[in-house]
Amino acid sequence: RSDRSVPMLRRATEVEPLAAAGWLLLGRELVNARDTTGAIAAFERYLALAPRNDLSRGSTTQVLAALRH
């Protein structure tokens, strides 16, 4: 699934680079594809763009910390 969704999500983030949700979805798919470096970058971008009250911030922060270790 990741082999098809990652290119589409990369394109979506190119078209709408300020849409936090696209970066979150891309990060999740990159984790599934075992692209740790790409996932970290996508999650960092998501966190930079997402509102402070976004429900996915907490879990994304935890995943990001795990990926960095």
Protein backbone atom coordinates (compact mmCIF):
# COMPACT_ATOMS: atom_id res chain seq x y z
CA ARG A 1 0.00 0.00 0.00
CA SER A 2 2.79 2.45 0.88
CA ASP A 3 4.39 1.97 -2.50
CA ARG A 4 1.33 3.60 -4.10
CA SER A 5 0.31 6.06 -1.41
CA VAL A 6 3.70 7.66 -0.72
CA PRO A 7 4.07 9.19 -4.21
CA MET A 8 0.49 10.47 -4.09
CA LEU A 9 0.98 11.98 -0.64
CA ARG A 10 4.27 13.56 -1.70
CA ARG A 11 2.44 15.16 -4.59
CA ALA A 12 -0.34 16.33 -2.27
CA THR A 13 2.20 18.04 0.00
CA GLU A 14 3.74 19.73 -3.04
CA VAL A 15 0.35 21.03 -4.15
CA GLU A 16 -0.78 22.03 -0.64
CA PRO A 17 2.42 22.51 1.38
CA LEU A 18 0.64 24.35 4.19
CA ALA A 19 -1.93 21.61 4.82
CA ALA A 20 -0.79 19.89 8.01
CA ALA A 21 -2.91 16.77 7.43
CA GLY A 22 -1.02 15.87 4.26
CA TRP A 23 2.28 15.87 6.14
CA LEU A 24 0.81 13.74 8.91
CA LEU A 25 -0.48 11.15 6.44
CA LEU A 26 2.80 11.17 4.53
CA GLY A 27 4.74 10.63 7.76
CA ARG A 28 2.58 7.65 8.69
CA GLU A 29 3.03 6.04 5.29
CA LEU A 30 6.77 6.65 5.38
CA VAL A 31 6.92 4.85 8.73
CA ASN A 32 5.11 1.93 7.08
CA ALA A 33 7.62 2.08 4.21
CA ARG A 34 10.48 2.08 6.76
CA ASP A 35 11.75 5.48 5.61
CA THR A 36 12.68 6.86 9.02
CA THR A 37 14.45 9.96 7.73
CA GLY A 38 11.52 10.90 5.52
CA ALA A 39 9.00 10.18 8.27
CA ILE A 40 10.86 12.40 10.74
CA ALA A 41 10.91 15.26 8.23
CA ALA A 42 7.21 14.85 7.44
CA PHE A 43 6.21 14.70 11.11
CA GLU A 44 8.32 17.77 11.91
CA ARG A 45 6.59 19.66 9.11
CA TYR A 46 3.20 18.50 10.36
CA LEU A 47 3.97 19.73 13.89
CA ALA A 48 5.15 23.08 12.53
CA LEU A 49 1.88 23.57 10.66
CA ALA A 50 -0.75 21.90 12.85
CA PRO A 51 -2.84 23.96 15.27
CA ARG A 52 -1.82 23.62 18.92
CA ASN A 53 -5.13 21.89 19.71
CA ASP A 54 -4.87 19.31 16.91
CA LEU A 55 -5.75 15.91 18.37
CA SER A 56 -2.89 14.13 16.58
CA ARG A 57 -0.12 16.32 17.99
CA GLY A 58 0.45 14.21 21.11
CA SER A 59 0.70 10.86 19.39
CA THR A 60 2.81 12.34 16.60
CA THR A 61 5.23 13.82 19.12
CA GLN A 62 5.57 10.38 20.74
CA VAL A 63 6.16 8.64 17.40
CA LEU A 64 8.68 11.28 16.42
CA ALA A 65 10.61 10.80 19.69
CA ALA A 66 10.67 7.03 19.10
CA LEU A 67 11.93 7.46 15.54
CA ARG A 68 14.76 9.71 16.70
CA HIS A 69 16.10 7.07 19.08
